[in-house]
Amino acid sequence: LARRRVILKNVFRMMVTVYLLVNTFLVFIWLTVAGRGEF
């Protein structure tokens, strides 16, 4: 059970990291390219 929990926590952390990186990149594109129209 402990091994399963550690694996699931690591997978979830990776998913959150990818989520933050991609969405930060999308906000950066919105700020620089799109001219700050609709968010």
Full PDB file with SEQRES, HELIX, SHEET, SSBOND, CRYST1, ORIGX, SCALE, CONECT and MASTER records, all heavy atoms in Angstrom:
SEQRES   1 A   39  LEU ALA ARG ARG ARG VAL ILE LEU LYS ASN VAL PHE ARG          
SEQRES   2 A   39  MET MET VAL THR VAL TYR LEU LEU VAL ASN THR PHE LEU          
SEQRES   3 A   39  VAL PHE ILE TRP LEU THR VAL ALA GLY ARG GLY GLU PHE          
HELIX    1 AA1 ALA A    2  THR A   32  1                                  31    
CRYST1    1.000    1.000    1.000  90.00  90.00  90.00 P 1           1          
ORIGX1      1.000000  0.000000  0.000000        0.00000                         
ORIGX2      0.000000  1.000000  0.000000        0.00000                         
ORIGX3      0.000000  0.000000  1.000000        0.00000                         
SCALE1      1.000000  0.000000  0.000000        0.00000                         
SCALE2      0.000000  1.000000  0.000000        0.00000                         
SCALE3      0.000000  0.000000  1.000000        0.00000                         
ATOM      1  N   LEU A   1       0.832  -1.205   0.000  1.00  0.00           N  
ATOM      2  CA  LEU A   1       0.000   0.000   0.000  1.00  0.00           C  
ATOM      3  C   LEU A   1       0.868   1.257   0.000  1.00  0.00           C  
ATOM      4  O   LEU A   1       0.582   2.221  -0.722  1.00  0.00           O  
ATOM      5  CB  LEU A   1      -0.925   0.000   1.215  1.00  0.00           C  
ATOM      6  CG  LEU A   1      -1.835   1.210   1.379  1.00  0.00           C  
ATOM      7  CD1 LEU A   1      -2.797   1.324   0.201  1.00  0.00           C  
ATOM      8  CD2 LEU A   1      -2.596   1.123   2.686  1.00  0.00           C  
ATOM      9  N   ALA A   2       1.951   1.254   0.775  1.00  0.00           N  
ATOM     10  CA  ALA A   2       2.850   2.413   0.815  1.00  0.00           C  
ATOM     11  C   ALA A   2       3.495   2.655  -0.547  1.00  0.00           C  
ATOM     12  O   ALA A   2       3.582   3.798  -1.013  1.00  0.00           O  
ATOM     13  CB  ALA A   2       3.925   2.203   1.881  1.00  0.00           C  
ATOM     14  N   ARG A   3       3.935   1.576  -1.217  1.00  0.00           N  
ATOM     15  CA  ARG A   3       4.526   1.714  -2.557  1.00  0.00           C  
ATOM     16  C   ARG A   3       3.518   2.295  -3.535  1.00  0.00           C  
ATOM     17  O   ARG A   3       3.829   3.176  -4.330  1.00  0.00           O  
ATOM     18  CB  ARG A   3       5.025   0.371  -3.068  1.00  0.00           C  
ATOM     19  CG  ARG A   3       6.302  -0.085  -2.429  1.00  0.00           C  
ATOM     20  CD  ARG A   3       6.828  -1.348  -3.094  1.00  0.00           C  
ATOM     21  NE  ARG A   3       8.042  -1.777  -2.453  1.00  0.00           N  
ATOM     22  CZ  ARG A   3       8.223  -2.967  -1.897  1.00  0.00           C  
ATOM     23  NH1 ARG A   3       7.263  -3.864  -1.946  1.00  0.00           N  
ATOM     24  NH2 ARG A   3       9.354  -3.273  -1.321  1.00  0.00           N  
ATOM     25  N   ARG A   4       2.291   1.776  -3.479  1.00  0.00           N  
ATOM     26  CA  ARG A   4       1.243   2.266  -4.376  1.00  0.00           C  
ATOM     27  C   ARG A   4       0.987   3.754  -4.145  1.00  0.00           C  
ATOM     28  O   ARG A   4       0.868   4.531  -5.092  1.00  0.00           O  
ATOM     29  CB  ARG A   4      -0.045   1.488  -4.155  1.00  0.00           C  
ATOM     30  CG  ARG A   4      -1.156   1.935  -5.092  1.00  0.00           C  
ATOM     31  CD  ARG A   4      -2.491   1.297  -4.830  1.00  0.00           C  
ATOM     32  NE  ARG A   4      -2.418  -0.124  -4.588  1.00  0.00           N  
ATOM     33  CZ  ARG A   4      -3.328  -0.807  -3.886  1.00  0.00           C  
ATOM     34  NH1 ARG A   4      -4.360  -0.195  -3.383  1.00  0.00           N  
ATOM     35  NH2 ARG A   4      -3.206  -2.094  -3.710  1.00  0.00           N  
ATOM     36  N   ARG A   5       0.938   4.169  -2.879  1.00  0.00           N  
ATOM     37  CA  ARG A   5       0.690   5.588  -2.577  1.00  0.00           C  
ATOM     38  C   ARG A   5       1.822   6.483  -3.068  1.00  0.00           C  
ATOM     39  O   ARG A   5       1.585   7.560  -3.601  1.00  0.00           O  
ATOM     40  CB  ARG A   5       0.485   5.777  -1.075  1.00  0.00           C  
ATOM     41  CG  ARG A   5      -0.855   5.303  -0.606  1.00  0.00           C  
ATOM     42  CD  ARG A   5      -1.058   5.613   0.851  1.00  0.00           C  
ATOM     43  NE  ARG A   5      -2.372   5.199   1.275  1.00  0.00           N  
ATOM     44  CZ  ARG A   5      -2.852   5.420   2.481  1.00  0.00           C  
ATOM     45  NH1 ARG A   5      -2.122   6.033   3.379  1.00  0.00           N  
ATOM     46  NH2 ARG A   5      -4.059   5.017   2.784  1.00  0.00           N  
ATOM     47  N   VAL A   6       3.059   6.037  -2.893  1.00  0.00           N  
ATOM     48  CA  VAL A   6       4.206   6.828  -3.352  1.00  0.00           C  
ATOM     49  C   VAL A   6       4.178   6.975  -4.870  1.00  0.00           C  
ATOM     50  O   VAL A   6       4.393   8.062  -5.412  1.00  0.00           O  
ATOM     51  CB  VAL A   6       5.535   6.198  -2.871  1.00  0.00           C  
ATOM     52  CG1 VAL A   6       6.724   6.816  -3.580  1.00  0.00           C  
ATOM     53  CG2 VAL A   6       5.677   6.359  -1.366  1.00  0.00           C  
ATOM     54  N   ILE A   7       3.884   5.883  -5.573  1.00  0.00           N  
ATOM     55  CA  ILE A   7       3.818   5.945  -7.038  1.00  0.00           C  
ATOM     56  C   ILE A   7       2.713   6.900  -7.477  1.00  0.00           C  
ATOM     57  O   ILE A   7       2.922   7.748  -8.355  1.00  0.00           O  
ATOM     58  CB  ILE A   7       3.606   4.536  -7.627  1.00  0.00           C  
ATOM     59  CG1 ILE A   7       4.876   3.704  -7.449  1.00  0.00           C  
ATOM     60  CG2 ILE A   7       3.205   4.603  -9.094  1.00  0.00           C  
ATOM     61  CD1 ILE A   7       4.693   2.231  -7.760  1.00  0.00           C  
ATOM     62  N   LEU A   8       1.537   6.784  -6.871  1.00  0.00           N  
ATOM     63  CA  LEU A   8       0.427   7.649  -7.251  1.00  0.00           C  
ATOM     64  C   LEU A   8       0.726   9.119  -6.949  1.00  0.00           C  
ATOM     65  O   LEU A   8       0.384  10.010  -7.737  1.00  0.00           O  
ATOM     66  CB  LEU A   8      -0.860   7.207  -6.561  1.00  0.00           C  
ATOM     67  CG  LEU A   8      -1.431   5.864  -7.013  1.00  0.00           C  
ATOM     68  CD1 LEU A   8      -2.674   5.494  -6.206  1.00  0.00           C  
ATOM     69  CD2 LEU A   8      -1.751   5.868  -8.489  1.00  0.00           C  
ATOM     70  N   LYS A   9       1.375   9.386  -5.827  1.00  0.00           N  
ATOM     71  CA  LYS A   9       1.733  10.779  -5.496  1.00  0.00           C  
ATOM     72  C   LYS A   9       2.738  11.328  -6.496  1.00  0.00           C  
ATOM     73  O   LYS A   9       2.627  12.487  -6.915  1.00  0.00           O  
ATOM     74  CB  LYS A   9       2.304  10.859  -4.077  1.00  0.00           C  
ATOM     75  CG  LYS A   9       1.254  10.743  -3.001  1.00  0.00           C  
ATOM     76  CD  LYS A   9       1.877  10.797  -1.621  1.00  0.00           C  
ATOM     77  CE  LYS A   9       0.831  10.614  -0.544  1.00  0.00           C  
ATOM     78  NZ  LYS A   9       1.405  10.662   0.802  1.00  0.00           N  
ATOM     79  N   ASN A  10       3.717  10.521  -6.894  1.00  0.00           N  
ATOM     80  CA  ASN A  10       4.705  10.984  -7.873  1.00  0.00           C  
ATOM     81  C   ASN A  10       4.058  11.249  -9.228  1.00  0.00           C  
ATOM     82  O   ASN A  10       4.368  12.249  -9.882  1.00  0.00           O  
ATOM     83  CB  ASN A  10       5.838   9.969  -8.023  1.00  0.00           C  
ATOM     84  CG  ASN A  10       6.766   9.965  -6.830  1.00  0.00           C  
ATOM     85  OD1 ASN A  10       6.807  10.909  -6.052  1.00  0.00           O  
ATOM     86  ND2 ASN A  10       7.508   8.887  -6.675  1.00  0.00           N  
ATOM     87  N   VAL A  11       3.164  10.372  -9.642  1.00  0.00           N  
ATOM     88  CA  VAL A  11       2.466  10.571 -10.917  1.00  0.00           C  
ATOM     89  C   VAL A  11       1.640  11.850 -10.860  1.00  0.00           C  
ATOM     90  O   VAL A  11       1.644  12.654 -11.799  1.00  0.00           O  
ATOM     91  CB  VAL A  11       1.585   9.343 -11.254  1.00  0.00           C  
ATOM     92  CG1 VAL A  11       0.627   9.641 -12.396  1.00  0.00           C  
ATOM     93  CG2 VAL A  11       2.453   8.151 -11.588  1.00  0.00           C  
ATOM     94  N   PHE A  12       0.939  12.057  -9.762  1.00  0.00           N  
ATOM     95  CA  PHE A  12       0.115  13.253  -9.644  1.00  0.00           C  
ATOM     96  C   PHE A  12       0.969  14.520  -9.637  1.00  0.00           C  
ATOM     97  O   PHE A  12       0.605  15.534 -10.243  1.00  0.00           O  
ATOM     98  CB  PHE A  12      -0.766  13.184  -8.390  1.00  0.00           C  
ATOM     99  CG  PHE A  12      -1.764  14.297  -8.321  1.00  0.00           C  
ATOM    100  CD1 PHE A  12      -2.861  14.309  -9.171  1.00  0.00           C  
ATOM    101  CD2 PHE A  12      -1.608  15.340  -7.426  1.00  0.00           C  
ATOM    102  CE1 PHE A  12      -3.779  15.333  -9.126  1.00  0.00           C  
ATOM    103  CE2 PHE A  12      -2.522  16.367  -7.372  1.00  0.00           C  
ATOM    104  CZ  PHE A  12      -3.612  16.364  -8.229  1.00  0.00           C  
ATOM    105  N   ARG A  13       2.099  14.472  -8.939  1.00  0.00           N  
ATOM    106  CA  ARG A  13       2.999  15.644  -8.946  1.00  0.00           C  
ATOM    107  C   ARG A  13       3.480  15.969 -10.353  1.00  0.00           C  
ATOM    108  O   ARG A  13       3.563  17.137 -10.743  1.00  0.00           O  
ATOM    109  CB  ARG A  13       4.200  15.389  -8.034  1.00  0.00           C  
ATOM    110  CG  ARG A  13       3.901  15.563  -6.579  1.00  0.00           C  
ATOM    111  CD  ARG A  13       5.174  15.478  -5.732  1.00  0.00           C  
ATOM    112  NE  ARG A  13       4.807  15.320  -4.352  1.00  0.00           N  
ATOM    113  CZ  ARG A  13       5.149  14.299  -3.586  1.00  0.00           C  
ATOM    114  NH1 ARG A  13       5.904  13.332  -4.067  1.00  0.00           N  
ATOM    115  NH2 ARG A  13       4.747  14.229  -2.340  1.00  0.00           N  
ATOM    116  N   MET A  14       3.820  14.938 -11.129  1.00  0.00           N  
ATOM    117  CA  MET A  14       4.243  15.170 -12.513  1.00  0.00           C  
ATOM    118  C   MET A  14       3.103  15.783 -13.330  1.00  0.00           C  
ATOM    119  O   MET A  14       3.324  16.699 -14.129  1.00  0.00           O  
ATOM    120  CB  MET A  14       4.714  13.859 -13.166  1.00  0.00           C  
ATOM    121  CG  MET A  14       6.044  13.366 -12.638  1.00  0.00           C  
ATOM    122  SD  MET A  14       6.754  11.944 -13.514  1.00  0.00           S  
ATOM    123  CE  MET A  14       5.380  10.871 -13.772  1.00  0.00           C  
ATOM    124  N   MET A  15       1.891  15.295 -13.122  1.00  0.00           N  
ATOM    125  CA  MET A  15       0.748  15.840 -13.849  1.00  0.00           C  
ATOM    126  C   MET A  15       0.521  17.313 -13.506  1.00  0.00           C  
ATOM    127  O   MET A  15       0.252  18.131 -14.392  1.00  0.00           O  
ATOM    128  CB  MET A  15      -0.514  15.026 -13.541  1.00  0.00           C  
ATOM    129  CG  MET A  15      -0.475  13.619 -14.086  1.00  0.00           C  
ATOM    130  SD  MET A  15      -1.838  12.592 -13.525  1.00  0.00           S  
ATOM    131  CE  MET A  15      -3.181  13.314 -14.433  1.00  0.00           C  
ATOM    132  N   VAL A  16       0.625  17.662 -12.232  1.00  0.00           N  
ATOM    133  CA  VAL A  16       0.443  19.059 -11.817  1.00  0.00           C  
ATOM    134  C   VAL A  16       1.555  19.930 -12.384  1.00  0.00           C  
ATOM    135  O   VAL A  16       1.312  21.058 -12.827  1.00  0.00           O  
ATOM    136  CB  VAL A  16       0.372  19.163 -10.271  1.00  0.00           C  
ATOM    137  CG1 VAL A  16       0.460  20.603  -9.806  1.00  0.00           C  
ATOM    138  CG2 VAL A  16      -0.910  18.518  -9.758  1.00  0.00           C  
ATOM    139  N   THR A  17       2.779  19.425 -12.398  1.00  0.00           N  
ATOM    140  CA  THR A  17       3.899  20.188 -12.958  1.00  0.00           C  
ATOM    141  C   THR A  17       3.671  20.484 -14.440  1.00  0.00           C  
ATOM    142  O   THR A  17       3.853  21.623 -14.894  1.00  0.00           O  
ATOM    143  CB  THR A  17       5.220  19.411 -12.761  1.00  0.00           C  
ATOM    144  OG1 THR A  17       5.407  19.170 -11.367  1.00  0.00           O  
ATOM    145  CG2 THR A  17       6.397  20.185 -13.309  1.00  0.00           C  
ATOM    146  N   VAL A  18       3.258  19.474 -15.190  1.00  0.00           N  
ATOM    147  CA  VAL A  18       2.974  19.680 -16.615  1.00  0.00           C  
ATOM    148  C   VAL A  18       1.825  20.670 -16.787  1.00  0.00           C  
ATOM    149  O   VAL A  18       1.871  21.568 -17.635  1.00  0.00           O  
ATOM    150  CB  VAL A  18       2.673  18.333 -17.314  1.00  0.00           C  
ATOM    151  CG1 VAL A  18       2.155  18.548 -18.728  1.00  0.00           C  
ATOM    152  CG2 VAL A  18       3.914  17.462 -17.322  1.00  0.00           C  
ATOM    153  N   TYR A  19       0.794  20.551 -15.969  1.00  0.00           N  
ATOM    154  CA  TYR A  19      -0.348  21.470 -16.000  1.00  0.00           C  
ATOM    155  C   TYR A  19       0.113  22.917 -15.793  1.00  0.00           C  
ATOM    156  O   TYR A  19      -0.273  23.820 -16.537  1.00  0.00           O  
ATOM    157  CB  TYR A  19      -1.353  21.047 -14.918  1.00  0.00           C  
ATOM    158  CG  TYR A  19      -2.434  22.044 -14.606  1.00  0.00           C  
ATOM    159  CD1 TYR A  19      -3.543  22.165 -15.428  1.00  0.00           C  
ATOM    160  CD2 TYR A  19      -2.367  22.852 -13.469  1.00  0.00           C  
ATOM    161  CE1 TYR A  19      -4.551  23.067 -15.134  1.00  0.00           C  
ATOM    162  CE2 TYR A  19      -3.360  23.750 -13.168  1.00  0.00           C  
ATOM    163  CZ  TYR A  19      -4.451  23.859 -14.001  1.00  0.00           C  
ATOM    164  OH  TYR A  19      -5.443  24.761 -13.706  1.00  0.00           O  
ATOM    165  N   LEU A  20       0.937  23.128 -14.782  1.00  0.00           N  
ATOM    166  CA  LEU A  20       1.417  24.491 -14.487  1.00  0.00           C  
ATOM    167  C   LEU A  20       2.304  25.027 -15.614  1.00  0.00           C  
ATOM    168  O   LEU A  20       2.165  26.195 -16.014  1.00  0.00           O  
ATOM    169  CB  LEU A  20       2.164  24.511 -13.158  1.00  0.00           C  
ATOM    170  CG  LEU A  20       1.292  24.276 -11.917  1.00  0.00           C  
ATOM    171  CD1 LEU A  20       2.172  24.162 -10.677  1.00  0.00           C  
ATOM    172  CD2 LEU A  20       0.272  25.386 -11.758  1.00  0.00           C  
ATOM    173  N   LEU A  21       3.208  24.198 -16.127  1.00  0.00           N  
ATOM    174  CA  LEU A  21       4.103  24.649 -17.194  1.00  0.00           C  
ATOM    175  C   LEU A  21       3.332  25.007 -18.472  1.00  0.00           C  
ATOM    176  O   LEU A  21       3.541  26.080 -19.064  1.00  0.00           O  
ATOM    177  CB  LEU A  21       5.162  23.589 -17.497  1.00  0.00           C  
ATOM    178  CG  LEU A  21       6.228  23.378 -16.426  1.00  0.00           C  
ATOM    179  CD1 LEU A  21       7.107  22.178 -16.777  1.00  0.00           C  
ATOM    180  CD2 LEU A  21       7.071  24.621 -16.256  1.00  0.00           C  
ATOM    181  N   VAL A  22       2.446  24.127 -18.885  1.00  0.00           N  
ATOM    182  CA  VAL A  22       1.707  24.373 -20.130  1.00  0.00           C  
ATOM    183  C   VAL A  22       0.799  25.590 -19.989  1.00  0.00           C  
ATOM    184  O   VAL A  22       0.757  26.459 -20.873  1.00  0.00           O  
ATOM    185  CB  VAL A  22       0.908  23.114 -20.540  1.00  0.00           C  
ATOM    186  CG1 VAL A  22      -0.078  23.427 -21.663  1.00  0.00           C  
ATOM    187  CG2 VAL A  22       1.853  21.999 -20.945  1.00  0.00           C  
ATOM    188  N   ASN A  23       0.084  25.691 -18.875  1.00  0.00           N  
ATOM    189  CA  ASN A  23      -0.830  26.821 -18.726  1.00  0.00           C  
ATOM    190  C   ASN A  23      -0.091  28.134 -18.511  1.00  0.00           C  
ATOM    191  O   ASN A  23      -0.555  29.186 -18.961  1.00  0.00           O  
ATOM    192  CB  ASN A  23      -1.846  26.549 -17.623  1.00  0.00           C  
ATOM    193  CG  ASN A  23      -2.903  25.571 -18.076  1.00  0.00           C  
ATOM    194  OD1 ASN A  23      -3.503  25.738 -19.129  1.00  0.00           O  
ATOM    195  ND2 ASN A  23      -3.104  24.521 -17.295  1.00  0.00           N  
ATOM    196  N   THR A  24       1.067  28.102 -17.887  1.00  0.00           N  
ATOM    197  CA  THR A  24       1.893  29.311 -17.795  1.00  0.00           C  
ATOM    198  C   THR A  24       2.346  29.739 -19.183  1.00  0.00           C  
ATOM    199  O   THR A  24       2.321  30.933 -19.517  1.00  0.00           O  
ATOM    200  CB  THR A  24       3.115  29.055 -16.884  1.00  0.00           C  
ATOM    201  OG1 THR A  24       2.651  28.661 -15.592  1.00  0.00           O  
ATOM    202  CG2 THR A  24       3.970  30.297 -16.753  1.00  0.00           C  
ATOM    203  N   PHE A  25       2.728  28.777 -20.002  1.00  0.00           N  
ATOM    204  CA  PHE A  25       3.122  29.072 -21.382  1.00  0.00           C  
ATOM    205  C   PHE A  25       1.945  29.660 -22.169  1.00  0.00           C  
ATOM    206  O   PHE A  25       2.113  30.625 -22.931  1.00  0.00           O  
ATOM    207  CB  PHE A  25       3.651  27.799 -22.058  1.00  0.00           C  
ATOM    208  CG  PHE A  25       4.089  28.000 -23.467  1.00  0.00           C  
ATOM    209  CD1 PHE A  25       5.215  28.759 -23.767  1.00  0.00           C  
ATOM    210  CD2 PHE A  25       3.376  27.447 -24.518  1.00  0.00           C  
ATOM    211  CE1 PHE A  25       5.625  28.955 -25.069  1.00  0.00           C  
ATOM    212  CE2 PHE A  25       3.772  27.634 -25.833  1.00  0.00           C  
ATOM    213  CZ  PHE A  25       4.905  28.396 -26.111  1.00  0.00           C  
ATOM    214  N   LEU A  26       0.743  29.122 -21.983  1.00  0.00           N  
ATOM    215  CA  LEU A  26      -0.437  29.660 -22.673  1.00  0.00           C  
ATOM    216  C   LEU A  26      -0.753  31.091 -22.230  1.00  0.00           C  
ATOM    217  O   LEU A  26      -1.104  31.949 -23.048  1.00  0.00           O  
ATOM    218  CB  LEU A  26      -1.650  28.751 -22.461  1.00  0.00           C  
ATOM    219  CG  LEU A  26      -1.592  27.385 -23.137  1.00  0.00           C  
ATOM    220  CD1 LEU A  26      -2.818  26.553 -22.765  1.00  0.00           C  
ATOM    221  CD2 LEU A  26      -1.448  27.508 -24.633  1.00  0.00           C  
ATOM    222  N   VAL A  27      -0.613  31.359 -20.945  1.00  0.00           N  
ATOM    223  CA  VAL A  27      -0.834  32.731 -20.453  1.00  0.00           C  
ATOM    224  C   VAL A  27       0.237  33.657 -21.027  1.00  0.00           C  
ATOM    225  O   VAL A  27      -0.055  34.799 -21.417  1.00  0.00           O  
ATOM    226  CB  VAL A  27      -0.852  32.771 -18.904  1.00  0.00           C  
ATOM    227  CG1 VAL A  27      -0.827  34.191 -18.382  1.00  0.00           C  
ATOM    228  CG2 VAL A  27      -2.075  32.016 -18.371  1.00  0.00           C  
ATOM    229  N   PHE A  28       1.469  33.182 -21.121  1.00  0.00           N  
ATOM    230  CA  PHE A  28       2.549  33.985 -21.710  1.00  0.00           C  
ATOM    231  C   PHE A  28       2.224  34.326 -23.175  1.00  0.00           C  
ATOM    232  O   PHE A  28       2.406  35.454 -23.623  1.00  0.00           O  
ATOM    233  CB  PHE A  28       3.881  33.223 -21.606  1.00  0.00           C  
ATOM    234  CG  PHE A  28       5.023  33.913 -22.271  1.00  0.00           C  
ATOM    235  CD1 PHE A  28       5.621  35.030 -21.698  1.00  0.00           C  
ATOM    236  CD2 PHE A  28       5.502  33.460 -23.498  1.00  0.00           C  
ATOM    237  CE1 PHE A  28       6.672  35.671 -22.324  1.00  0.00           C  
ATOM    238  CE2 PHE A  28       6.551  34.091 -24.124  1.00  0.00           C  
ATOM    239  CZ  PHE A  28       7.145  35.207 -23.540  1.00  0.00           C  
ATOM    240  N   ILE A  29       1.730  33.319 -23.920  1.00  0.00           N  
ATOM    241  CA  ILE A  29       1.333  33.566 -25.314  1.00  0.00           C  
ATOM    242  C   ILE A  29       0.213  34.609 -25.358  1.00  0.00           C  
ATOM    243  O   ILE A  29       0.215  35.532 -26.178  1.00  0.00           O  
ATOM    244  CB  ILE A  29       0.914  32.251 -26.006  1.00  0.00           C  
ATOM    245  CG1 ILE A  29       2.124  31.362 -26.215  1.00  0.00           C  
ATOM    246  CG2 ILE A  29       0.223  32.529 -27.339  1.00  0.00           C  
ATOM    247  CD1 ILE A  29       1.783  29.988 -26.747  1.00  0.00           C  
ATOM    248  N   TRP A  30      -0.764  34.474 -24.490  1.00  0.00           N  
ATOM    249  CA  TRP A  30      -1.873  35.417 -24.438  1.00  0.00           C  
ATOM    250  C   TRP A  30      -1.368  36.835 -24.158  1.00  0.00           C  
ATOM    251  O   TRP A  30      -1.824  37.800 -24.771  1.00  0.00           O  
ATOM    252  CB  TRP A  30      -2.884  34.991 -23.374  1.00  0.00           C  
ATOM    253  CG  TRP A  30      -3.977  35.970 -23.141  1.00  0.00           C  
ATOM    254  CD1 TRP A  30      -5.069  36.174 -23.927  1.00  0.00           C  
ATOM    255  CD2 TRP A  30      -4.074  36.886 -22.063  1.00  0.00           C  
ATOM    256  NE1 TRP A  30      -5.852  37.167 -23.400  1.00  0.00           N  
ATOM    257  CE2 TRP A  30      -5.254  37.619 -22.244  1.00  0.00           C  
ATOM    258  CE3 TRP A  30      -3.279  37.165 -20.939  1.00  0.00           C  
ATOM    259  CZ2 TRP A  30      -5.661  38.611 -21.360  1.00  0.00           C  
ATOM    260  CZ3 TRP A  30      -3.690  38.142 -20.069  1.00  0.00           C  
ATOM    261  CH2 TRP A  30      -4.859  38.864 -20.275  1.00  0.00           C  
ATOM    262  N   LEU A  31      -0.405  36.963 -23.238  1.00  0.00           N  
ATOM    263  CA  LEU A  31       0.127  38.278 -22.885  1.00  0.00           C  
ATOM    264  C   LEU A  31       0.926  38.909 -24.029  1.00  0.00           C  
ATOM    265  O   LEU A  31       0.854  40.120 -24.245  1.00  0.00           O  
ATOM    266  CB  LEU A  31       1.026  38.176 -21.645  1.00  0.00           C  
ATOM    267  CG  LEU A  31       0.318  38.009 -20.305  1.00  0.00           C  
ATOM    268  CD1 LEU A  31       1.340  37.727 -19.213  1.00  0.00           C  
ATOM    269  CD2 LEU A  31      -0.501  39.234 -19.963  1.00  0.00           C  
ATOM    270  N   THR A  32       1.699  38.102 -24.740  1.00  0.00           N  
ATOM    271  CA  THR A  32       2.611  38.666 -25.734  1.00  0.00           C  
ATOM    272  C   THR A  32       2.036  38.713 -27.145  1.00  0.00           C  
ATOM    273  O   THR A  32       2.221  39.695 -27.859  1.00  0.00           O  
ATOM    274  CB  THR A  32       3.915  37.844 -25.772  1.00  0.00           C  
ATOM    275  OG1 THR A  32       3.616  36.498 -26.066  1.00  0.00           O  
ATOM    276  CG2 THR A  32       4.668  37.965 -24.467  1.00  0.00           C  
ATOM    277  N   VAL A  33       1.348  37.689 -27.578  1.00  0.00           N  
ATOM    278  CA  VAL A  33       0.936  37.575 -28.977  1.00  0.00           C  
ATOM    279  C   VAL A  33      -0.501  38.046 -29.192  1.00  0.00           C  
ATOM    280  O   VAL A  33      -0.792  38.777 -30.135  1.00  0.00           O  
ATOM    281  CB  VAL A  33       1.115  36.133 -29.485  1.00  0.00           C  
ATOM    282  CG1 VAL A  33       0.605  35.983 -30.904  1.00  0.00           C  
ATOM    283  CG2 VAL A  33       2.566  35.719 -29.373  1.00  0.00           C  
ATOM    284  N   ALA A  34      -1.399  37.646 -28.334  1.00  0.00           N  
ATOM    285  CA  ALA A  34      -2.818  37.873 -28.579  1.00  0.00           C  
ATOM    286  C   ALA A  34      -3.253  39.305 -28.306  1.00  0.00           C  
ATOM    287  O   ALA A  34      -4.382  39.652 -28.600  1.00  0.00           O  
ATOM    288  CB  ALA A  34      -3.640  36.901 -27.745  1.00  0.00           C  
ATOM    289  N   GLY A  35      -2.429  40.095 -27.743  1.00  0.00           N  
ATOM    290  CA  GLY A  35      -2.775  41.484 -27.491  1.00  0.00           C  
ATOM    291  C   GLY A  35      -3.743  41.680 -26.347  1.00  0.00           C  
ATOM    292  O   GLY A  35      -4.447  42.689 -26.302  1.00  0.00           O  
ATOM    293  N   ARG A  36      -3.780  40.793 -25.444  1.00  0.00           N  
ATOM    294  CA  ARG A  36      -4.591  40.891 -24.226  1.00  0.00           C  
ATOM    295  C   ARG A  36      -6.078  41.112 -24.509  1.00  0.00           C  
ATOM    296  O   ARG A  36      -6.739  41.900 -23.876  1.00  0.00           O  
ATOM    297  CB  ARG A  36      -4.078  42.010 -23.339  1.00  0.00           C  
ATOM    298  CG  ARG A  36      -2.724  41.748 -22.773  1.00  0.00           C  
ATOM    299  CD  ARG A  36      -2.390  42.773 -21.756  1.00  0.00           C  
ATOM    300  NE  ARG A  36      -1.044  42.570 -21.292  1.00  0.00           N  
ATOM    301  CZ  ARG A  36      -0.605  43.052 -20.174  1.00  0.00           C  
ATOM    302  NH1 ARG A  36      -1.370  43.766 -19.408  1.00  0.00           N  
ATOM    303  NH2 ARG A  36       0.626  42.830 -19.794  1.00  0.00           N  
ATOM    304  N   GLY A  37      -6.607  40.339 -25.430  1.00  0.00           N  
ATOM    305  CA  GLY A  37      -8.048  40.391 -25.680  1.00  0.00           C  
ATOM    306  C   GLY A  37      -8.755  39.530 -24.654  1.00  0.00           C  
ATOM    307  O   GLY A  37      -8.446  39.574 -23.461  1.00  0.00           O  
ATOM    308  N   GLU A  38      -9.693  38.769 -25.137  1.00  0.00           N  
ATOM    309  CA  GLU A  38     -10.406  37.856 -24.246  1.00  0.00           C  
ATOM    310  C   GLU A  38      -9.404  36.853 -23.670  1.00  0.00           C  
ATOM    311  O   GLU A  38      -8.540  36.344 -24.369  1.00  0.00           O  
ATOM    312  CB  GLU A  38     -11.487  37.120 -25.039  1.00  0.00           C  
ATOM    313  CG  GLU A  38     -12.279  36.160 -24.198  1.00  0.00           C  
ATOM    314  CD  GLU A  38     -13.298  35.369 -24.996  1.00  0.00           C  
ATOM    315  OE1 GLU A  38     -13.664  35.792 -26.105  1.00  0.00           O  
ATOM    316  OE2 GLU A  38     -13.706  34.320 -24.508  1.00  0.00           O  
ATOM    317  N   PHE A  39      -9.559  36.529 -22.380  1.00  0.00           N  
ATOM    318  CA  PHE A  39      -8.611  35.625 -21.708  1.00  0.00           C  
ATOM    319  C   PHE A  39      -8.955  34.176 -22.052  1.00  0.00           C  
ATOM    320  O   PHE A  39      -9.586  33.460 -21.297  1.00  0.00           O  
ATOM    321  CB  PHE A  39      -8.637  35.855 -20.193  1.00  0.00           C  
ATOM    322  CG  PHE A  39      -7.585  35.088 -19.444  1.00  0.00           C  
ATOM    323  CD1 PHE A  39      -6.243  35.362 -19.626  1.00  0.00           C  
ATOM    324  CD2 PHE A  39      -7.929  34.069 -18.564  1.00  0.00           C  
ATOM    325  CE1 PHE A  39      -5.265  34.645 -18.942  1.00  0.00           C  
ATOM    326  CE2 PHE A  39      -6.969  33.352 -17.875  1.00  0.00           C  
ATOM    327  CZ  PHE A  39      -5.630  33.653 -18.067  1.00  0.00           C  
TER     328      PHE A  39                                                      
MASTER        0    0    0    1    0    0    0    6  327    1    0    3          
END                                                                             
